[in-house]
Amino acid sequence: MIIRSVELETVCGITSTLPVNTKPEFAFAGKSNVGKSSLINSLMNRKSFARTSSQPGKTQTINFYNINDALYYVDLPGYGYAKVALEVKAKWGKMIENYLHKSPMLKCVFLLIDIRHEPSENDKTMYNWVVHNGYHPVIIATKLDKLKRSQVQKHVKMVRTGLGLGSEDILIPFSAETKQGREEIWALIDEITNSLDKE
């Protein structure tokens, strides 16, 4: 995928109304500090367009990035961050659920899981929640560069087992450092977008 233009078009807070978009949307969900902004920057071919932060829980809005005037990357607030008040967490949850329920242009949800660790309860809850809302999330196993090559298969299996994935479920190992996995994610987005054009 050649990235010609990137624009942060809409930022939705807890009280905002979701935009009515006419282009396909690809949403990115994951717990705080799993590398969501780094992945989105990599997929936008930009160094720091999506703000990365060492402070978890930084993304508190739903951010819509217009890519090539053809589709949207949608950055959802990170979940599972302990220092956020429960009341705020509940509002974020409602905001994400509202988006999953109501956006007719949402075509795919990418769920980011840290490949180094077994999926947490929060990860499993989010996975089940996305499935419950009628989507088959594509799992992006981040921080691949932190593993030795010999460990990768074992950890992929651990993530698959932890989430209860079937053989048809897609899992793509990804590294923001080496960009491994990026072409696969782009190819998947292209495939989904192209299939929509044929409808």
C-alpha atoms as a PDB file:
ATOM      1  CA  MET A   1       0.000   0.000   0.000  1.00  0.00           C
ATOM      2  CA  ILE A   2       1.409   3.386  -0.995  1.00  0.00           C
ATOM      3  CA  ILE A   3       0.480   6.049   1.542  1.00  0.00           C
ATOM      4  CA  ARG A   4      -0.030   9.301  -0.326  1.00  0.00           C
ATOM      5  CA  SER A   5      -1.925  11.327   2.253  1.00  0.00           C
ATOM      6  CA  VAL A   6      -2.753  11.122   5.950  1.00  0.00           C
ATOM      7  CA  GLU A   7      -5.038  13.451   7.837  1.00  0.00           C
ATOM      8  CA  LEU A   8      -6.375  13.321  11.392  1.00  0.00           C
ATOM      9  CA  GLU A   9      -9.895  14.164  10.354  1.00  0.00           C
ATOM     10  CA  THR A  10     -12.099  13.590  13.421  1.00  0.00           C
ATOM     11  CA  VAL A  11     -11.459  13.276  17.148  1.00  0.00           C
ATOM     12  CA  CYS A  12     -14.404  11.950  19.178  1.00  0.00           C
ATOM     13  CA  GLY A  13     -14.527  12.401  22.929  1.00  0.00           C
ATOM     14  CA  ILE A  14     -16.947  10.809  25.357  1.00  0.00           C
ATOM     15  CA  THR A  15     -19.732  13.281  24.511  1.00  0.00           C
ATOM     16  CA  SER A  16     -19.054  13.600  20.763  1.00  0.00           C
ATOM     17  CA  THR A  17     -21.298  12.293  18.025  1.00  0.00           C
ATOM     18  CA  LEU A  18     -19.619   9.726  15.767  1.00  0.00           C
ATOM     19  CA  PRO A  19     -18.869  11.021  12.257  1.00  0.00           C
ATOM     20  CA  VAL A  20     -20.919   9.749   9.333  1.00  0.00           C
ATOM     21  CA  ASN A  21     -18.183   8.437   7.058  1.00  0.00           C
ATOM     22  CA  THR A  22     -18.670   6.999   3.594  1.00  0.00           C
ATOM     23  CA  LYS A  23     -15.313   5.215   3.359  1.00  0.00           C
ATOM     24  CA  PRO A  24     -14.360   1.886   4.978  1.00  0.00           C
ATOM     25  CA  GLU A  25     -13.049   2.033   8.532  1.00  0.00           C
ATOM     26  CA  PHE A  26     -10.382  -0.209  10.084  1.00  0.00           C
ATOM     27  CA  ALA A  27     -10.301   0.020  13.881  1.00  0.00           C
ATOM     28  CA  PHE A  28      -7.343  -0.661  16.171  1.00  0.00           C
ATOM     29  CA  ALA A  29      -7.973  -1.802  19.745  1.00  0.00           C
ATOM     30  CA  GLY A  30      -5.556  -2.905  22.415  1.00  0.00           C
ATOM     31  CA  LYS A  31      -4.586  -2.372  25.998  1.00  0.00           C
ATOM     32  CA  SER A  32      -2.544   0.643  27.004  1.00  0.00           C
ATOM     33  CA  ASN A  33       1.129   0.473  26.010  1.00  0.00           C
ATOM     34  CA  VAL A  34       0.706  -2.489  23.663  1.00  0.00           C
ATOM     35  CA  GLY A  35       2.141  -0.381  20.816  1.00  0.00           C
ATOM     36  CA  LYS A  36      -1.042   0.819  19.125  1.00  0.00           C
ATOM     37  CA  SER A  37       0.234   4.285  18.150  1.00  0.00           C
ATOM     38  CA  SER A  38       3.509   2.756  16.909  1.00  0.00           C
ATOM     39  CA  LEU A  39       1.574   0.296  14.721  1.00  0.00           C
ATOM     40  CA  ILE A  40      -0.686   3.017  13.329  1.00  0.00           C
ATOM     41  CA  ASN A  41       2.312   5.268  12.591  1.00  0.00           C
ATOM     42  CA  SER A  42       3.993   2.371  10.805  1.00  0.00           C
ATOM     43  CA  LEU A  43       0.856   1.679   8.740  1.00  0.00           C
ATOM     44  CA  MET A  44       0.644   5.397   7.886  1.00  0.00           C
ATOM     45  CA  ASN A  45       4.336   5.373   6.970  1.00  0.00           C
ATOM     46  CA  ARG A  46       4.805   8.334   9.312  1.00  0.00           C
ATOM     47  CA  LYS A  47       7.202   8.603  12.229  1.00  0.00           C
ATOM     48  CA  SER A  48       4.988  10.207  14.830  1.00  0.00           C
ATOM     49  CA  PHE A  49       1.646  11.202  13.380  1.00  0.00           C
ATOM     50  CA  ALA A  50      -0.303   9.199  15.943  1.00  0.00           C
ATOM     51  CA  ARG A  51       1.010  10.319  19.304  1.00  0.00           C
ATOM     52  CA  THR A  52       3.016   7.658  21.062  1.00  0.00           C
ATOM     53  CA  SER A  53       3.525   7.973  24.765  1.00  0.00           C
ATOM     54  CA  SER A  54       5.278   6.174  27.575  1.00  0.00           C
ATOM     55  CA  GLN A  55       2.274   7.151  29.679  1.00  0.00           C
ATOM     56  CA  PRO A  56      -0.373   4.464  29.239  1.00  0.00           C
ATOM     57  CA  GLY A  57      -3.947   5.590  28.778  1.00  0.00           C
ATOM     58  CA  LYS A  58      -2.938   8.567  26.637  1.00  0.00           C
ATOM     59  CA  THR A  59      -5.497   8.000  23.887  1.00  0.00           C
ATOM     60  CA  GLN A  60      -8.782   9.018  25.486  1.00  0.00           C
ATOM     61  CA  THR A  61     -10.632   9.720  22.277  1.00  0.00           C
ATOM     62  CA  ILE A  62     -11.557   7.830  19.117  1.00  0.00           C
ATOM     63  CA  ASN A  63      -9.302   9.252  16.397  1.00  0.00           C
ATOM     64  CA  PHE A  64     -10.225   8.923  12.716  1.00  0.00           C
ATOM     65  CA  TYR A  65      -7.266   9.117  10.319  1.00  0.00           C
ATOM     66  CA  ASN A  66      -8.180   9.621   6.664  1.00  0.00           C
ATOM     67  CA  ILE A  67      -5.752   7.571   4.548  1.00  0.00           C
ATOM     68  CA  ASN A  68      -5.350   8.451   0.838  1.00  0.00           C
ATOM     69  CA  ASP A  69      -8.898   9.795   0.926  1.00  0.00           C
ATOM     70  CA  ALA A  70      -9.885   6.136   0.492  1.00  0.00           C
ATOM     71  CA  LEU A  71     -10.275   4.655   3.981  1.00  0.00           C
ATOM     72  CA  TYR A  72      -9.932   5.369   7.695  1.00  0.00           C
ATOM     73  CA  TYR A  73      -7.695   4.015  10.405  1.00  0.00           C
ATOM     74  CA  VAL A  74      -9.637   4.376  13.658  1.00  0.00           C
ATOM     75  CA  ASP A  75      -7.604   4.520  16.866  1.00  0.00           C
ATOM     76  CA  LEU A  76      -9.681   3.383  19.860  1.00  0.00           C
ATOM     77  CA  PRO A  77      -8.785   4.269  23.485  1.00  0.00           C
ATOM     78  CA  GLY A  78      -6.463   1.781  25.178  1.00  0.00           C
ATOM     79  CA  TYR A  79      -8.105  -0.409  27.805  1.00  0.00           C
ATOM     80  CA  GLY A  80      -7.036  -1.965  31.069  1.00  0.00           C
ATOM     81  CA  TYR A  81      -5.044   0.953  32.423  1.00  0.00           C
ATOM     82  CA  ALA A  82      -5.185   0.931  36.196  1.00  0.00           C
ATOM     83  CA  LYS A  83      -4.704   4.625  36.946  1.00  0.00           C
ATOM     84  CA  VAL A  84      -7.864   5.748  35.172  1.00  0.00           C
ATOM     85  CA  ALA A  85     -10.936   6.209  37.370  1.00  0.00           C
ATOM     86  CA  LEU A  86     -13.540   3.456  37.000  1.00  0.00           C
ATOM     87  CA  GLU A  87     -16.148   5.993  35.996  1.00  0.00           C
ATOM     88  CA  VAL A  88     -13.961   7.188  33.103  1.00  0.00           C
ATOM     89  CA  LYS A  89     -13.217   3.580  32.110  1.00  0.00           C
ATOM     90  CA  ALA A  90     -16.942   2.859  32.002  1.00  0.00           C
ATOM     91  CA  LYS A  91     -17.456   5.880  29.731  1.00  0.00           C
ATOM     92  CA  TRP A  92     -14.641   4.765  27.408  1.00  0.00           C
ATOM     93  CA  GLY A  93     -16.209   1.317  27.317  1.00  0.00           C
ATOM     94  CA  LYS A  94     -19.552   2.813  26.338  1.00  0.00           C
ATOM     95  CA  MET A  95     -17.844   4.985  23.720  1.00  0.00           C
ATOM     96  CA  ILE A  96     -16.084   1.989  22.128  1.00  0.00           C
ATOM     97  CA  GLU A  97     -19.201  -0.169  22.320  1.00  0.00           C
ATOM     98  CA  ASN A  98     -21.258   2.598  20.764  1.00  0.00           C
ATOM     99  CA  TYR A  99     -18.745   2.801  17.917  1.00  0.00           C
ATOM    100  CA  LEU A 100     -18.684  -0.982  17.342  1.00  0.00           C
ATOM    101  CA  HIS A 101     -22.483  -1.065  17.328  1.00  0.00           C
ATOM    102  CA  LYS A 102     -23.218   1.979  15.270  1.00  0.00           C
ATOM    103  CA  SER A 103     -20.576   2.473  12.609  1.00  0.00           C
ATOM    104  CA  PRO A 104     -21.878   1.012   9.339  1.00  0.00           C
ATOM    105  CA  MET A 105     -18.493   1.576   7.675  1.00  0.00           C
ATOM    106  CA  LEU A 106     -16.433  -0.434  10.193  1.00  0.00           C
ATOM    107  CA  LYS A 107     -15.069  -3.326   8.139  1.00  0.00           C
ATOM    108  CA  CYS A 108     -12.397  -4.862  10.359  1.00  0.00           C
ATOM    109  CA  VAL A 109     -11.176  -4.681  13.969  1.00  0.00           C
ATOM    110  CA  PHE A 110      -7.482  -5.249  14.639  1.00  0.00           C
ATOM    111  CA  LEU A 111      -6.879  -6.330  18.226  1.00  0.00           C
ATOM    112  CA  LEU A 112      -3.317  -5.857  19.471  1.00  0.00           C
ATOM    113  CA  ILE A 113      -1.842  -8.340  21.938  1.00  0.00           C
ATOM    114  CA  ASP A 114       1.717  -8.252  23.344  1.00  0.00           C
ATOM    115  CA  ILE A 115       3.319 -11.407  21.911  1.00  0.00           C
ATOM    116  CA  ARG A 116       5.608 -11.757  24.951  1.00  0.00           C
ATOM    117  CA  HIS A 117       2.844 -12.506  27.428  1.00  0.00           C
ATOM    118  CA  GLU A 118      -0.224 -14.684  27.702  1.00  0.00           C
ATOM    119  CA  PRO A 119      -3.380 -12.692  26.891  1.00  0.00           C
ATOM    120  CA  SER A 120      -4.629 -10.956  30.046  1.00  0.00           C
ATOM    121  CA  GLU A 121      -8.206 -11.063  31.324  1.00  0.00           C
ATOM    122  CA  ASN A 122      -8.664  -7.612  29.760  1.00  0.00           C
ATOM    123  CA  ASP A 123      -7.414  -8.933  26.409  1.00  0.00           C
ATOM    124  CA  LYS A 124      -9.811 -11.893  26.558  1.00  0.00           C
ATOM    125  CA  THR A 125     -12.710  -9.652  27.545  1.00  0.00           C
ATOM    126  CA  MET A 126     -11.990  -7.276  24.657  1.00  0.00           C
ATOM    127  CA  TYR A 127     -11.660 -10.163  22.208  1.00  0.00           C
ATOM    128  CA  ASN A 128     -14.977 -11.684  23.308  1.00  0.00           C
ATOM    129  CA  TRP A 129     -16.613  -8.267  23.247  1.00  0.00           C
ATOM    130  CA  VAL A 130     -15.527  -7.596  19.652  1.00  0.00           C
ATOM    131  CA  VAL A 131     -16.772 -11.067  18.625  1.00  0.00           C
ATOM    132  CA  HIS A 132     -20.036 -10.447  20.499  1.00  0.00           C
ATOM    133  CA  ASN A 133     -20.479  -7.271  18.423  1.00  0.00           C
ATOM    134  CA  GLY A 134     -20.364  -9.345  15.244  1.00  0.00           C
ATOM    135  CA  TYR A 135     -16.731  -8.940  14.125  1.00  0.00           C
ATOM    136  CA  HIS A 136     -13.906 -11.431  13.645  1.00  0.00           C
ATOM    137  CA  PRO A 137     -10.972  -9.514  15.066  1.00  0.00           C
ATOM    138  CA  VAL A 138      -7.602  -9.855  13.349  1.00  0.00           C
ATOM    139  CA  ILE A 139      -4.982 -10.348  16.068  1.00  0.00           C
ATOM    140  CA  ILE A 140      -1.788  -8.303  15.752  1.00  0.00           C
ATOM    141  CA  ALA A 141       0.862  -9.798  18.056  1.00  0.00           C
ATOM    142  CA  THR A 142       3.051  -6.758  18.783  1.00  0.00           C
ATOM    143  CA  LYS A 143       6.617  -6.331  20.084  1.00  0.00           C
ATOM    144  CA  LEU A 144       7.876  -9.223  17.942  1.00  0.00           C
ATOM    145  CA  ASP A 145      11.431  -7.823  17.994  1.00  0.00           C
ATOM    146  CA  LYS A 146      11.584  -8.438  21.755  1.00  0.00           C
ATOM    147  CA  LEU A 147      11.592 -12.224  21.167  1.00  0.00           C
ATOM    148  CA  LYS A 148      14.325 -14.474  19.821  1.00  0.00           C
ATOM    149  CA  ARG A 149      13.376 -16.000  16.506  1.00  0.00           C
ATOM    150  CA  SER A 150      13.336 -19.458  18.105  1.00  0.00           C
ATOM    151  CA  GLN A 151      10.640 -18.310  20.581  1.00  0.00           C
ATOM    152  CA  VAL A 152       8.180 -16.886  18.061  1.00  0.00           C
ATOM    153  CA  GLN A 153       6.154 -20.022  17.220  1.00  0.00           C
ATOM    154  CA  LYS A 154       5.755 -20.947  20.878  1.00  0.00           C
ATOM    155  CA  HIS A 155       4.485 -17.456  21.714  1.00  0.00           C
ATOM    156  CA  VAL A 156       2.144 -17.321  18.708  1.00  0.00           C
ATOM    157  CA  LYS A 157       0.648 -20.598  19.929  1.00  0.00           C
ATOM    158  CA  MET A 158       0.365 -19.185  23.472  1.00  0.00           C
ATOM    159  CA  VAL A 159      -1.593 -16.146  22.229  1.00  0.00           C
ATOM    160  CA  ARG A 160      -3.813 -18.296  19.993  1.00  0.00           C
ATOM    161  CA  THR A 161      -4.578 -20.705  22.829  1.00  0.00           C
ATOM    162  CA  GLY A 162      -5.084 -17.902  25.358  1.00  0.00           C
ATOM    163  CA  LEU A 163      -7.750 -16.248  23.192  1.00  0.00           C
ATOM    164  CA  GLY A 164      -9.269 -19.541  22.041  1.00  0.00           C
ATOM    165  CA  LEU A 165      -8.627 -18.790  18.355  1.00  0.00           C
ATOM    166  CA  GLY A 166      -9.666 -21.217  15.662  1.00  0.00           C
ATOM    167  CA  SER A 167      -7.455 -22.188  12.730  1.00  0.00           C
ATOM    168  CA  GLU A 168      -9.377 -19.766  10.478  1.00  0.00           C
ATOM    169  CA  ASP A 169      -8.649 -16.785  12.760  1.00  0.00           C
ATOM    170  CA  ILE A 170      -5.870 -14.512  11.522  1.00  0.00           C
ATOM    171  CA  LEU A 171      -2.894 -13.652  13.738  1.00  0.00           C
ATOM    172  CA  ILE A 172      -0.089 -11.477  12.370  1.00  0.00           C
ATOM    173  CA  PRO A 173       3.141 -11.079  14.379  1.00  0.00           C
ATOM    174  CA  PHE A 174       4.333  -7.456  14.121  1.00  0.00           C
ATOM    175  CA  SER A 175       7.333  -5.342  15.063  1.00  0.00           C
ATOM    176  CA  ALA A 176       7.257  -1.543  14.976  1.00  0.00           C
ATOM    177  CA  GLU A 177      11.078  -1.638  15.029  1.00  0.00           C
ATOM    178  CA  THR A 178      11.695  -3.897  12.023  1.00  0.00           C
ATOM    179  CA  LYS A 179       8.284  -3.337  10.322  1.00  0.00           C
ATOM    180  CA  GLN A 180       7.865  -7.113  10.075  1.00  0.00           C
ATOM    181  CA  GLY A 181       4.178  -7.882   9.530  1.00  0.00           C
ATOM    182  CA  ARG A 182       3.348  -4.483   8.036  1.00  0.00           C
ATOM    183  CA  GLU A 183       3.063  -5.727   4.442  1.00  0.00           C
ATOM    184  CA  GLU A 184       0.697  -8.490   5.593  1.00  0.00           C
ATOM    185  CA  ILE A 185      -1.552  -5.998   7.389  1.00  0.00           C
ATOM    186  CA  TRP A 186      -1.555  -3.660   4.377  1.00  0.00           C
ATOM    187  CA  ALA A 187      -2.367  -6.610   2.083  1.00  0.00           C
ATOM    188  CA  LEU A 188      -5.322  -7.546   4.301  1.00  0.00           C
ATOM    189  CA  ILE A 189      -6.639  -3.961   4.321  1.00  0.00           C
ATOM    190  CA  ASP A 190      -6.250  -3.811   0.512  1.00  0.00           C
ATOM    191  CA  GLU A 191      -8.050  -7.129   0.113  1.00  0.00           C
ATOM    192  CA  ILE A 192     -11.005  -6.011   2.242  1.00  0.00           C
ATOM    193  CA  THR A 193     -11.181  -2.595   0.514  1.00  0.00           C
ATOM    194  CA  ASN A 194     -11.012  -4.166  -2.953  1.00  0.00           C
ATOM    195  CA  SER A 195     -13.728  -6.685  -2.123  1.00  0.00           C
ATOM    196  CA  LEU A 196     -15.976  -3.774  -1.070  1.00  0.00           C
ATOM    197  CA  ASP A 197     -15.376  -2.025  -4.392  1.00  0.00           C
ATOM    198  CA  LYS A 198     -16.695  -5.106  -6.179  1.00  0.00           C
ATOM    199  CA  GLU A 199     -19.939  -5.192  -4.173  1.00  0.00           C
END
